[in-house]
Amino acid sequence: MRDPYSVLGVAKGASEGEIKSAYRKLAKKLHPDVNPGNTEVEQKFKEVSAAYNLLSDKEKRGKYDRGEINADGSPRYDSAFHRAYSQPGGGGRGGYDFTQGGGDFEDIFSDLFGRARRGGGAAGGRRTYTTQAKGNDVQYTVQVTFAEAAKGIRRRITLYDGKSLDVTIPPGTEDGQTLRLKGQGMPGLGGGAGDAYVTVQVQQDPMFERDGSDIHVTVPVTLDEAILGGKIRVPTIDGPVSVSVPPGSNTGSRLRLKGKGVSKQPGAARGDQIVHLEVVLPDRPDDELRSFLQGWALRHPYDVRKKVGME
């Protein structure tokens, strides 16, 4: 991934407000629902979201600025260290033989490495021990979009040794959830490898918000759609769907789309999507609308503030 500052088009010393403003501007322009079927734009949207996800987090941003992590959030490993680690005598994979004449060495070595296998006696009373010890665990980070986390996806990560591995991110994965990859960590003594832990970072979405297994989205409607009712297109993680707005709807009215949410665990039923309606007036009401409302208001007065105790 490219430098996140370059992706968002901001300077390295940009404030949180400048970063957020740049992200919102790009996200609205590049969102897949605005550009259906355009894979190139979709990829740019993912890149912008990933850049914002890193720079909006103070801790991650600081680590990136100090060179501790890459642009995708993964740690920067010292390849020279790992080459040395894998060589004989450097803590790499394979058995190690230690020859000694004293009887205390076995106890000390067993305490340090957990277990020791005693070999056959050698000439001159020398003893050979082959040890095993689990290697260190390693941490990785992958970033996915809101929809990818909700629906599930496979992502390829690069391991510390340069090898690639496909990781299955199950449907319903939440931000910060960690997946364990057994035996994919650092090599240990005698072949006992550690584990890899992959933390999934779910990028914020400009439209969708998750609450448990439900998804919430706010959809603007026109004055005539709210009063008279009508059909509107509503975005979901599965793509836009047609929804009926009941006559007399108002800002705050809610519609429920069954089964359009996420599942909390693989195989479980999906939650719902809650659509919050927001009535939006024309940018510039014309004289006809003003004249109509003036006459209507005189004939049909009503007090909206009295209902909430704001007389």
C-alpha atoms as a PDB file:
ATOM      1  CA  MET A   1       0.000   0.000   0.000  1.00  0.00           C
ATOM      2  CA  ARG A   2       1.149   3.528  -0.795  1.00  0.00           C
ATOM      3  CA  ASP A   3       1.980   6.143   1.810  1.00  0.00           C
ATOM      4  CA  PRO A   4      -1.347   6.925   3.565  1.00  0.00           C
ATOM      5  CA  TYR A   5      -0.622  10.663   3.598  1.00  0.00           C
ATOM      6  CA  SER A   6      -0.234  10.608  -0.189  1.00  0.00           C
ATOM      7  CA  VAL A   7      -3.368   8.511  -0.592  1.00  0.00           C
ATOM      8  CA  LEU A   8      -5.469  11.080   1.290  1.00  0.00           C
ATOM      9  CA  GLY A   9      -3.608  14.012  -0.238  1.00  0.00           C
ATOM     10  CA  VAL A  10      -2.582  15.563   3.091  1.00  0.00           C
ATOM     11  CA  ALA A  11       0.733  16.657   4.563  1.00  0.00           C
ATOM     12  CA  LYS A  12       2.492  14.488   7.155  1.00  0.00           C
ATOM     13  CA  GLY A  13       1.773  17.084   9.837  1.00  0.00           C
ATOM     14  CA  ALA A  14      -1.944  17.331   8.971  1.00  0.00           C
ATOM     15  CA  SER A  15      -4.377  17.703  11.866  1.00  0.00           C
ATOM     16  CA  GLU A  16      -7.061  15.144  12.735  1.00  0.00           C
ATOM     17  CA  GLY A  17      -9.689  17.462  11.267  1.00  0.00           C
ATOM     18  CA  GLU A  18      -7.811  17.814   7.983  1.00  0.00           C
ATOM     19  CA  ILE A  19      -7.396  14.044   7.706  1.00  0.00           C
ATOM     20  CA  LYS A  20     -11.072  13.407   8.442  1.00  0.00           C
ATOM     21  CA  SER A  21     -12.195  16.067   5.970  1.00  0.00           C
ATOM     22  CA  ALA A  22      -9.978  14.656   3.213  1.00  0.00           C
ATOM     23  CA  TYR A  23     -11.294  11.144   3.849  1.00  0.00           C
ATOM     24  CA  ARG A  24     -14.955  12.169   3.780  1.00  0.00           C
ATOM     25  CA  LYS A  25     -14.488  14.036   0.526  1.00  0.00           C
ATOM     26  CA  LEU A  26     -12.782  11.089  -1.171  1.00  0.00           C
ATOM     27  CA  ALA A  27     -15.110   8.455   0.347  1.00  0.00           C
ATOM     28  CA  LYS A  28     -18.233  10.149  -0.988  1.00  0.00           C
ATOM     29  CA  LYS A  29     -16.674  10.413  -4.423  1.00  0.00           C
ATOM     30  CA  LEU A  30     -15.303   6.851  -4.568  1.00  0.00           C
ATOM     31  CA  HIS A  31     -17.916   4.826  -2.661  1.00  0.00           C
ATOM     32  CA  PRO A  32     -18.890   1.628  -4.564  1.00  0.00           C
ATOM     33  CA  ASP A  33     -22.603   2.474  -4.364  1.00  0.00           C
ATOM     34  CA  VAL A  34     -21.908   5.674  -6.276  1.00  0.00           C
ATOM     35  CA  ASN A  35     -19.765   3.810  -8.822  1.00  0.00           C
ATOM     36  CA  PRO A  36     -21.431   0.388  -9.225  1.00  0.00           C
ATOM     37  CA  GLY A  37     -19.377  -2.128 -11.177  1.00  0.00           C
ATOM     38  CA  ASN A  38     -16.264   0.062 -11.369  1.00  0.00           C
ATOM     39  CA  THR A  39     -13.557  -2.179  -9.895  1.00  0.00           C
ATOM     40  CA  GLU A  40     -10.837   0.440 -10.322  1.00  0.00           C
ATOM     41  CA  VAL A  41     -12.747   3.007  -8.292  1.00  0.00           C
ATOM     42  CA  GLU A  42     -13.637   0.339  -5.733  1.00  0.00           C
ATOM     43  CA  GLN A  43      -9.945  -0.422  -5.239  1.00  0.00           C
ATOM     44  CA  LYS A  44      -9.211   3.275  -4.760  1.00  0.00           C
ATOM     45  CA  PHE A  45     -11.996   3.458  -2.172  1.00  0.00           C
ATOM     46  CA  LYS A  46     -10.440   0.568  -0.241  1.00  0.00           C
ATOM     47  CA  GLU A  47      -7.044   2.266  -0.362  1.00  0.00           C
ATOM     48  CA  VAL A  48      -8.490   5.557   0.891  1.00  0.00           C
ATOM     49  CA  SER A  49     -10.376   3.782   3.698  1.00  0.00           C
ATOM     50  CA  ALA A  50      -7.253   1.883   4.741  1.00  0.00           C
ATOM     51  CA  ALA A  51      -5.213   5.095   4.814  1.00  0.00           C
ATOM     52  CA  TYR A  52      -7.810   6.815   6.980  1.00  0.00           C
ATOM     53  CA  ASN A  53      -8.081   3.814   9.289  1.00  0.00           C
ATOM     54  CA  LEU A  54      -4.358   4.077  10.029  1.00  0.00           C
ATOM     55  CA  LEU A  55      -4.029   7.861  10.278  1.00  0.00           C
ATOM     56  CA  SER A  56      -7.187   8.344  12.367  1.00  0.00           C
ATOM     57  CA  ASP A  57      -5.724   6.114  15.075  1.00  0.00           C
ATOM     58  CA  LYS A  58      -3.173   8.107  17.102  1.00  0.00           C
ATOM     59  CA  GLU A  59      -1.230   5.030  18.189  1.00  0.00           C
ATOM     60  CA  LYS A  60      -1.004   3.523  14.693  1.00  0.00           C
ATOM     61  CA  ARG A  61      -0.166   6.878  13.163  1.00  0.00           C
ATOM     62  CA  GLY A  62       2.649   7.365  15.648  1.00  0.00           C
ATOM     63  CA  LYS A  63       4.046   3.910  14.939  1.00  0.00           C
ATOM     64  CA  TYR A  64       3.914   4.546  11.201  1.00  0.00           C
ATOM     65  CA  ASP A  65       5.625   7.926  11.540  1.00  0.00           C
ATOM     66  CA  ARG A  66       8.382   6.305  13.622  1.00  0.00           C
ATOM     67  CA  GLY A  67       8.827   3.546  11.042  1.00  0.00           C
ATOM     68  CA  GLU A  68       7.616   0.766  13.349  1.00  0.00           C
ATOM     69  CA  ILE A  69       4.829  -0.444  11.046  1.00  0.00           C
ATOM     70  CA  ASN A  70       4.134  -0.492   7.324  1.00  0.00           C
ATOM     71  CA  ALA A  71       1.346   1.378   5.583  1.00  0.00           C
ATOM     72  CA  ASP A  72      -0.915  -1.684   5.905  1.00  0.00           C
ATOM     73  CA  GLY A  73      -0.363  -1.794   9.670  1.00  0.00           C
ATOM     74  CA  SER A  74       1.923  -4.837   9.671  1.00  0.00           C
ATOM     75  CA  PRO A  75       5.133  -4.734  11.753  1.00  0.00           C
ATOM     76  CA  ARG A  76       8.413  -3.957  10.032  1.00  0.00           C
ATOM     77  CA  TYR A  77      10.669  -6.949  10.634  1.00  0.00           C
ATOM     78  CA  ASP A  78      14.447  -6.913  10.484  1.00  0.00           C
ATOM     79  CA  SER A  79      15.158  -9.486   7.772  1.00  0.00           C
ATOM     80  CA  ALA A  80      18.785  -9.739   8.839  1.00  0.00           C
ATOM     81  CA  PHE A  81      17.659 -10.825  12.303  1.00  0.00           C
ATOM     82  CA  HIS A  82      15.423 -13.535  10.917  1.00  0.00           C
ATOM     83  CA  ARG A  83      18.165 -14.846   8.642  1.00  0.00           C
ATOM     84  CA  ALA A  84      20.461 -15.093  11.633  1.00  0.00           C
ATOM     85  CA  TYR A  85      17.716 -16.696  13.697  1.00  0.00           C
ATOM     86  CA  SER A  86      17.237 -19.484  11.195  1.00  0.00           C
ATOM     87  CA  GLN A  87      20.933 -20.476  11.114  1.00  0.00           C
ATOM     88  CA  PRO A  88      22.417 -23.198  13.350  1.00  0.00           C
ATOM     89  CA  GLY A  89      23.285 -21.712  16.695  1.00  0.00           C
ATOM     90  CA  GLY A  90      20.895 -18.803  16.153  1.00  0.00           C
ATOM     91  CA  GLY A  91      17.713 -20.326  17.553  1.00  0.00           C
ATOM     92  CA  GLY A  92      16.410 -21.698  14.248  1.00  0.00           C
ATOM     93  CA  ARG A  93      14.567 -24.846  13.300  1.00  0.00           C
ATOM     94  CA  GLY A  94      16.181 -28.235  13.983  1.00  0.00           C
ATOM     95  CA  GLY A  95      17.849 -30.190  16.817  1.00  0.00           C
ATOM     96  CA  TYR A  96      20.779 -28.916  18.883  1.00  0.00           C
ATOM     97  CA  ASP A  97      23.408 -31.107  20.520  1.00  0.00           C
ATOM     98  CA  PHE A  98      25.136 -30.069  23.695  1.00  0.00           C
ATOM     99  CA  THR A  99      28.023 -32.140  25.099  1.00  0.00           C
ATOM    100  CA  GLN A 100      29.070 -31.823  28.695  1.00  0.00           C
ATOM    101  CA  GLY A 101      30.337 -33.883  31.627  1.00  0.00           C
ATOM    102  CA  GLY A 102      28.538 -32.366  34.593  1.00  0.00           C
ATOM    103  CA  GLY A 103      25.199 -33.688  35.862  1.00  0.00           C
ATOM    104  CA  ASP A 104      23.561 -30.299  36.573  1.00  0.00           C
ATOM    105  CA  PHE A 105      23.317 -29.215  32.917  1.00  0.00           C
ATOM    106  CA  GLU A 106      20.227 -31.327  32.189  1.00  0.00           C
ATOM    107  CA  ASP A 107      18.241 -29.767  35.055  1.00  0.00           C
ATOM    108  CA  ILE A 108      19.184 -26.219  34.088  1.00  0.00           C
ATOM    109  CA  PHE A 109      18.462 -26.772  30.410  1.00  0.00           C
ATOM    110  CA  SER A 110      15.152 -28.453  31.215  1.00  0.00           C
ATOM    111  CA  ASP A 111      14.134 -25.431  33.304  1.00  0.00           C
ATOM    112  CA  LEU A 112      14.983 -23.070  30.475  1.00  0.00           C
ATOM    113  CA  PHE A 113      13.352 -24.920  27.590  1.00  0.00           C
ATOM    114  CA  GLY A 114      10.637 -26.970  29.218  1.00  0.00           C
ATOM    115  CA  ARG A 115      11.785 -30.420  28.166  1.00  0.00           C
ATOM    116  CA  ALA A 116      15.000 -32.234  27.147  1.00  0.00           C
ATOM    117  CA  ARG A 117      15.482 -35.594  25.510  1.00  0.00           C
ATOM    118  CA  ARG A 118      18.510 -37.485  26.758  1.00  0.00           C
ATOM    119  CA  GLY A 119      20.470 -39.299  24.070  1.00  0.00           C
ATOM    120  CA  GLY A 120      22.589 -42.445  24.366  1.00  0.00           C
ATOM    121  CA  GLY A 121      25.868 -42.303  26.241  1.00  0.00           C
ATOM    122  CA  ALA A 122      28.865 -41.256  24.176  1.00  0.00           C
ATOM    123  CA  ALA A 123      32.493 -42.337  24.564  1.00  0.00           C
ATOM    124  CA  GLY A 124      34.203 -40.855  27.575  1.00  0.00           C
ATOM    125  CA  GLY A 125      30.938 -40.371  29.462  1.00  0.00           C
ATOM    126  CA  ARG A 126      29.727 -37.539  27.233  1.00  0.00           C
ATOM    127  CA  ARG A 127      25.960 -37.078  26.979  1.00  0.00           C
ATOM    128  CA  THR A 128      23.966 -35.656  24.096  1.00  0.00           C
ATOM    129  CA  TYR A 129      20.697 -33.724  24.528  1.00  0.00           C
ATOM    130  CA  THR A 130      18.257 -32.742  21.788  1.00  0.00           C
ATOM    131  CA  THR A 131      15.900 -29.963  22.896  1.00  0.00           C
ATOM    132  CA  GLN A 132      12.584 -28.629  21.710  1.00  0.00           C
ATOM    133  CA  ALA A 133      11.053 -25.246  22.453  1.00  0.00           C
ATOM    134  CA  LYS A 134       8.141 -23.458  20.851  1.00  0.00           C
ATOM    135  CA  GLY A 135       9.070 -20.448  18.726  1.00  0.00           C
ATOM    136  CA  ASN A 136       7.750 -16.955  19.359  1.00  0.00           C
ATOM    137  CA  ASP A 137       4.273 -15.963  18.276  1.00  0.00           C
ATOM    138  CA  VAL A 138       3.975 -13.194  15.679  1.00  0.00           C
ATOM    139  CA  GLN A 139       1.348 -10.531  15.117  1.00  0.00           C
ATOM    140  CA  TYR A 140      -0.129  -9.370  11.811  1.00  0.00           C
ATOM    141  CA  THR A 141      -2.814  -6.881  10.858  1.00  0.00           C
ATOM    142  CA  VAL A 142      -5.187  -6.957   7.916  1.00  0.00           C
ATOM    143  CA  GLN A 143      -7.623  -4.241   6.928  1.00  0.00           C
ATOM    144  CA  VAL A 144     -10.996  -4.923   5.349  1.00  0.00           C
ATOM    145  CA  THR A 145     -13.986  -2.815   4.391  1.00  0.00           C
ATOM    146  CA  PHE A 146     -17.223  -2.852   6.354  1.00  0.00           C
ATOM    147  CA  ALA A 147     -18.951  -5.006   3.723  1.00  0.00           C
ATOM    148  CA  GLU A 148     -16.011  -7.452   3.506  1.00  0.00           C
ATOM    149  CA  ALA A 149     -16.054  -7.989   7.273  1.00  0.00           C
ATOM    150  CA  ALA A 150     -19.821  -8.448   7.270  1.00  0.00           C
ATOM    151  CA  LYS A 151     -19.918 -10.915   4.379  1.00  0.00           C
ATOM    152  CA  GLY A 152     -16.542 -12.619   4.877  1.00  0.00           C
ATOM    153  CA  ILE A 153     -13.523 -12.648   2.560  1.00  0.00           C
ATOM    154  CA  ARG A 154     -10.124 -14.265   1.982  1.00  0.00           C
ATOM    155  CA  ARG A 155      -7.074 -12.049   2.324  1.00  0.00           C
ATOM    156  CA  ARG A 156      -3.453 -12.832   1.516  1.00  0.00           C
ATOM    157  CA  ILE A 157      -0.820 -11.822   4.052  1.00  0.00           C
ATOM    158  CA  THR A 158       2.961 -11.894   3.800  1.00  0.00           C
ATOM    159  CA  LEU A 159       4.639 -13.791   6.616  1.00  0.00           C
ATOM    160  CA  TYR A 160       7.873 -12.743   8.333  1.00  0.00           C
ATOM    161  CA  ASP A 161       9.899 -15.036   6.080  1.00  0.00           C
ATOM    162  CA  GLY A 162       8.442 -13.588   2.875  1.00  0.00           C
ATOM    163  CA  LYS A 163       6.024 -16.435   2.205  1.00  0.00           C
ATOM    164  CA  SER A 164       2.362 -15.692   1.427  1.00  0.00           C
ATOM    165  CA  LEU A 165      -0.646 -17.183   3.177  1.00  0.00           C
ATOM    166  CA  ASP A 166      -4.370 -16.874   2.424  1.00  0.00           C
ATOM    167  CA  VAL A 167      -6.403 -16.087   5.540  1.00  0.00           C
ATOM    168  CA  THR A 168     -10.157 -16.676   5.740  1.00  0.00           C
ATOM    169  CA  ILE A 169     -11.941 -13.814   7.461  1.00  0.00           C
ATOM    170  CA  PRO A 170     -15.327 -15.262   8.477  1.00  0.00           C
ATOM    171  CA  PRO A 171     -18.642 -13.435   7.970  1.00  0.00           C
ATOM    172  CA  GLY A 172     -19.573 -11.153  10.827  1.00  0.00           C
ATOM    173  CA  THR A 173     -15.986 -10.409  11.862  1.00  0.00           C
ATOM    174  CA  GLU A 174     -15.821  -7.356  14.131  1.00  0.00           C
ATOM    175  CA  ASP A 175     -13.211  -4.629  14.346  1.00  0.00           C
ATOM    176  CA  GLY A 176     -10.276  -5.736  16.479  1.00  0.00           C
ATOM    177  CA  GLN A 177     -11.122  -9.452  16.288  1.00  0.00           C
ATOM    178  CA  THR A 178      -8.048 -11.712  16.260  1.00  0.00           C
ATOM    179  CA  LEU A 179      -7.640 -14.907  14.257  1.00  0.00           C
ATOM    180  CA  ARG A 180      -5.127 -17.591  15.285  1.00  0.00           C
ATOM    181  CA  LEU A 181      -3.015 -19.377  12.678  1.00  0.00           C
ATOM    182  CA  LYS A 182      -1.484 -22.370  14.438  1.00  0.00           C
ATOM    183  CA  GLY A 183       2.144 -23.116  13.637  1.00  0.00           C
ATOM    184  CA  GLN A 184       2.646 -20.052  11.431  1.00  0.00           C
ATOM    185  CA  GLY A 185       4.836 -18.171  13.891  1.00  0.00           C
ATOM    186  CA  MET A 186       8.600 -18.079  14.416  1.00  0.00           C
ATOM    187  CA  PRO A 187      10.507 -21.390  14.266  1.00  0.00           C
ATOM    188  CA  GLY A 188      11.645 -22.787  17.589  1.00  0.00           C
ATOM    189  CA  LEU A 189      14.168 -25.333  18.784  1.00  0.00           C
ATOM    190  CA  GLY A 190      13.560 -28.832  17.505  1.00  0.00           C
ATOM    191  CA  GLY A 191      10.836 -27.791  15.053  1.00  0.00           C
ATOM    192  CA  GLY A 192       8.252 -26.339  17.454  1.00  0.00           C
ATOM    193  CA  ALA A 193       6.892 -23.266  15.629  1.00  0.00           C
ATOM    194  CA  GLY A 194       4.910 -20.546  17.345  1.00  0.00           C
ATOM    195  CA  ASP A 195       1.537 -19.244  16.204  1.00  0.00           C
ATOM    196  CA  ALA A 196       0.511 -16.243  14.141  1.00  0.00           C
ATOM    197  CA  TYR A 197      -2.234 -13.918  15.358  1.00  0.00           C
ATOM    198  CA  VAL A 198      -4.004 -11.814  12.751  1.00  0.00           C
ATOM    199  CA  THR A 199      -5.900  -8.773  14.012  1.00  0.00           C
ATOM    200  CA  VAL A 200      -8.655  -7.626  11.676  1.00  0.00           C
ATOM    201  CA  GLN A 201      -9.212  -3.906  11.361  1.00  0.00           C
ATOM    202  CA  VAL A 202     -12.607  -3.007   9.914  1.00  0.00           C
ATOM    203  CA  GLN A 203     -12.575   0.320   8.126  1.00  0.00           C
ATOM    204  CA  GLN A 204     -15.252   2.855   8.945  1.00  0.00           C
ATOM    205  CA  ASP A 205     -17.991   3.186   6.354  1.00  0.00           C
ATOM    206  CA  PRO A 206     -19.505   6.587   5.489  1.00  0.00           C
ATOM    207  CA  MET A 207     -23.022   5.102   5.380  1.00  0.00           C
ATOM    208  CA  PHE A 208     -23.265   1.872   7.382  1.00  0.00           C
ATOM    209  CA  GLU A 209     -22.974   1.436  11.134  1.00  0.00           C
ATOM    210  CA  ARG A 210     -23.069  -1.892  12.937  1.00  0.00           C
ATOM    211  CA  ASP A 211     -24.896  -2.618  16.188  1.00  0.00           C
ATOM    212  CA  GLY A 212     -24.514  -6.274  17.114  1.00  0.00           C
ATOM    213  CA  SER A 213     -25.981  -8.226  14.210  1.00  0.00           C
ATOM    214  CA  ASP A 214     -27.960  -5.255  12.867  1.00  0.00           C
ATOM    215  CA  ILE A 215     -26.819  -2.613  10.410  1.00  0.00           C
ATOM    216  CA  HIS A 216     -28.076   0.974  10.569  1.00  0.00           C
ATOM    217  CA  VAL A 217     -28.160   3.420   7.677  1.00  0.00           C
ATOM    218  CA  THR A 218     -29.680   6.890   7.314  1.00  0.00           C
ATOM    219  CA  VAL A 219     -31.399   7.546   3.989  1.00  0.00           C
ATOM    220  CA  PRO A 220     -32.597  11.011   2.883  1.00  0.00           C
ATOM    221  CA  VAL A 221     -36.090  11.328   1.349  1.00  0.00           C
ATOM    222  CA  THR A 222     -37.782  14.251  -0.375  1.00  0.00           C
ATOM    223  CA  LEU A 223     -40.753  16.139   1.054  1.00  0.00           C
ATOM    224  CA  ASP A 224     -43.171  14.540  -1.410  1.00  0.00           C
ATOM    225  CA  GLU A 225     -41.778  11.033  -0.771  1.00  0.00           C
ATOM    226  CA  ALA A 226     -42.284  11.514   2.968  1.00  0.00           C
ATOM    227  CA  ILE A 227     -45.841  12.847   2.680  1.00  0.00           C
ATOM    228  CA  LEU A 228     -47.158  10.837  -0.251  1.00  0.00           C
ATOM    229  CA  GLY A 229     -45.005   7.728   0.070  1.00  0.00           C
ATOM    230  CA  GLY A 230     -43.123   6.066  -2.761  1.00  0.00           C
ATOM    231  CA  LYS A 231     -40.380   3.688  -3.816  1.00  0.00           C
ATOM    232  CA  ILE A 232     -36.727   4.501  -3.081  1.00  0.00           C
ATOM    233  CA  ARG A 233     -33.395   2.690  -3.554  1.00  0.00           C
ATOM    234  CA  VAL A 234     -31.627   1.828  -0.307  1.00  0.00           C
ATOM    235  CA  PRO A 235     -27.979   0.639  -0.100  1.00  0.00           C
ATOM    236  CA  THR A 236     -27.224  -2.654   1.661  1.00  0.00           C
ATOM    237  CA  ILE A 237     -24.047  -4.722   1.941  1.00  0.00           C
ATOM    238  CA  ASP A 238     -25.553  -6.988  -0.731  1.00  0.00           C
ATOM    239  CA  GLY A 239     -26.253  -4.105  -3.110  1.00  0.00           C
ATOM    240  CA  PRO A 240     -29.088  -1.561  -3.483  1.00  0.00           C
ATOM    241  CA  VAL A 241     -32.681  -2.755  -2.928  1.00  0.00           C
ATOM    242  CA  SER A 242     -36.073  -1.144  -3.613  1.00  0.00           C
ATOM    243  CA  VAL A 243     -37.977  -0.098  -0.469  1.00  0.00           C
ATOM    244  CA  SER A 244     -41.467   1.381  -0.020  1.00  0.00           C
ATOM    245  CA  VAL A 245     -41.704   4.566   2.042  1.00  0.00           C
ATOM    246  CA  PRO A 246     -45.096   4.644   3.793  1.00  0.00           C
ATOM    247  CA  PRO A 247     -47.189   7.832   3.291  1.00  0.00           C
ATOM    248  CA  GLY A 248     -46.818  10.251   6.177  1.00  0.00           C
ATOM    249  CA  SER A 249     -43.268   9.238   7.045  1.00  0.00           C
ATOM    250  CA  ASN A 250     -41.109  11.694   8.959  1.00  0.00           C
ATOM    251  CA  THR A 251     -37.508  12.237   9.958  1.00  0.00           C
ATOM    252  CA  GLY A 252     -36.778   9.464  12.441  1.00  0.00           C
ATOM    253  CA  SER A 253     -39.182   6.990  10.879  1.00  0.00           C
ATOM    254  CA  ARG A 254     -37.582   3.544  10.656  1.00  0.00           C
ATOM    255  CA  LEU A 255     -37.927   0.733   8.156  1.00  0.00           C
ATOM    256  CA  ARG A 256     -36.675  -2.785   8.865  1.00  0.00           C
ATOM    257  CA  LEU A 257     -35.104  -4.954   6.161  1.00  0.00           C
ATOM    258  CA  LYS A 258     -35.177  -8.525   7.472  1.00  0.00           C
ATOM    259  CA  GLY A 259     -32.028 -10.583   7.017  1.00  0.00           C
ATOM    260  CA  LYS A 260     -29.963  -7.712   5.588  1.00  0.00           C
ATOM    261  CA  GLY A 261     -27.693  -7.413   8.624  1.00  0.00           C
ATOM    262  CA  VAL A 262     -24.736  -9.611   9.634  1.00  0.00           C
ATOM    263  CA  SER A 263     -24.349 -12.934  11.414  1.00  0.00           C
ATOM    264  CA  LYS A 264     -22.543 -12.940  14.747  1.00  0.00           C
ATOM    265  CA  GLN A 265     -21.017 -16.348  14.039  1.00  0.00           C
ATOM    266  CA  PRO A 266     -20.609 -18.606  10.992  1.00  0.00           C
ATOM    267  CA  GLY A 267     -23.855 -20.379  10.108  1.00  0.00           C
ATOM    268  CA  ALA A 268     -26.010 -18.171  12.334  1.00  0.00           C
ATOM    269  CA  ALA A 269     -28.975 -16.218  10.973  1.00  0.00           C
ATOM    270  CA  ARG A 270     -28.236 -12.702   9.802  1.00  0.00           C
ATOM    271  CA  GLY A 271     -29.597  -9.695  11.615  1.00  0.00           C
ATOM    272  CA  ASP A 272     -31.622  -6.882  10.047  1.00  0.00           C
ATOM    273  CA  GLN A 273     -30.849  -3.560   8.441  1.00  0.00           C
ATOM    274  CA  ILE A 274     -32.570  -0.593  10.052  1.00  0.00           C
ATOM    275  CA  VAL A 275     -33.260   2.294   7.662  1.00  0.00           C
ATOM    276  CA  HIS A 276     -33.610   5.700   9.329  1.00  0.00           C
ATOM    277  CA  LEU A 277     -35.476   8.184   7.150  1.00  0.00           C
ATOM    278  CA  GLU A 278     -34.413  11.815   7.048  1.00  0.00           C
ATOM    279  CA  VAL A 279     -36.699  14.341   5.328  1.00  0.00           C
ATOM    280  CA  VAL A 280     -34.666  16.832   3.302  1.00  0.00           C
ATOM    281  CA  LEU A 281     -36.176  20.028   1.879  1.00  0.00           C
ATOM    282  CA  PRO A 282     -35.235  21.385  -1.546  1.00  0.00           C
ATOM    283  CA  ASP A 283     -32.058  23.460  -1.590  1.00  0.00           C
ATOM    284  CA  ARG A 284     -34.066  26.471  -2.766  1.00  0.00           C
ATOM    285  CA  PRO A 285     -37.846  26.229  -2.195  1.00  0.00           C
ATOM    286  CA  ASP A 286     -39.591  28.039  -5.056  1.00  0.00           C
ATOM    287  CA  ASP A 287     -42.402  30.606  -4.843  1.00  0.00           C
ATOM    288  CA  GLU A 288     -45.053  27.991  -5.594  1.00  0.00           C
ATOM    289  CA  LEU A 289     -44.053  25.880  -2.585  1.00  0.00           C
ATOM    290  CA  ARG A 290     -43.826  28.954  -0.335  1.00  0.00           C
ATOM    291  CA  SER A 291     -47.260  30.189  -1.409  1.00  0.00           C
ATOM    292  CA  PHE A 292     -48.827  26.786  -0.881  1.00  0.00           C
ATOM    293  CA  LEU A 293     -47.319  26.352   2.587  1.00  0.00           C
ATOM    294  CA  GLN A 294     -48.362  29.838   3.713  1.00  0.00           C
ATOM    295  CA  GLY A 295     -51.990  29.091   2.907  1.00  0.00           C
ATOM    296  CA  TRP A 296     -51.796  25.550   4.283  1.00  0.00           C
ATOM    297  CA  ALA A 297     -50.236  26.680   7.575  1.00  0.00           C
ATOM    298  CA  LEU A 298     -53.040  29.168   8.201  1.00  0.00           C
ATOM    299  CA  ARG A 299     -55.659  26.457   7.740  1.00  0.00           C
ATOM    300  CA  HIS A 300     -53.801  23.657   9.546  1.00  0.00           C
ATOM    301  CA  PRO A 301     -51.756  25.037  12.474  1.00  0.00           C
ATOM    302  CA  TYR A 302     -49.857  22.510  14.601  1.00  0.00           C
ATOM    303  CA  ASP A 303     -47.212  22.838  17.335  1.00  0.00           C
ATOM    304  CA  VAL A 304     -44.319  20.362  17.029  1.00  0.00           C
ATOM    305  CA  ARG A 305     -42.434  21.720  20.053  1.00  0.00           C
ATOM    306  CA  LYS A 306     -45.306  21.354  22.472  1.00  0.00           C
ATOM    307  CA  LYS A 307     -45.070  17.550  22.191  1.00  0.00           C
ATOM    308  CA  VAL A 308     -41.548  17.600  23.627  1.00  0.00           C
ATOM    309  CA  GLY A 309     -42.186  20.184  26.333  1.00  0.00           C
ATOM    310  CA  MET A 310     -40.694  23.154  24.468  1.00  0.00           C
ATOM    311  CA  GLU A 311     -43.665  25.546  24.633  1.00  0.00           C
END
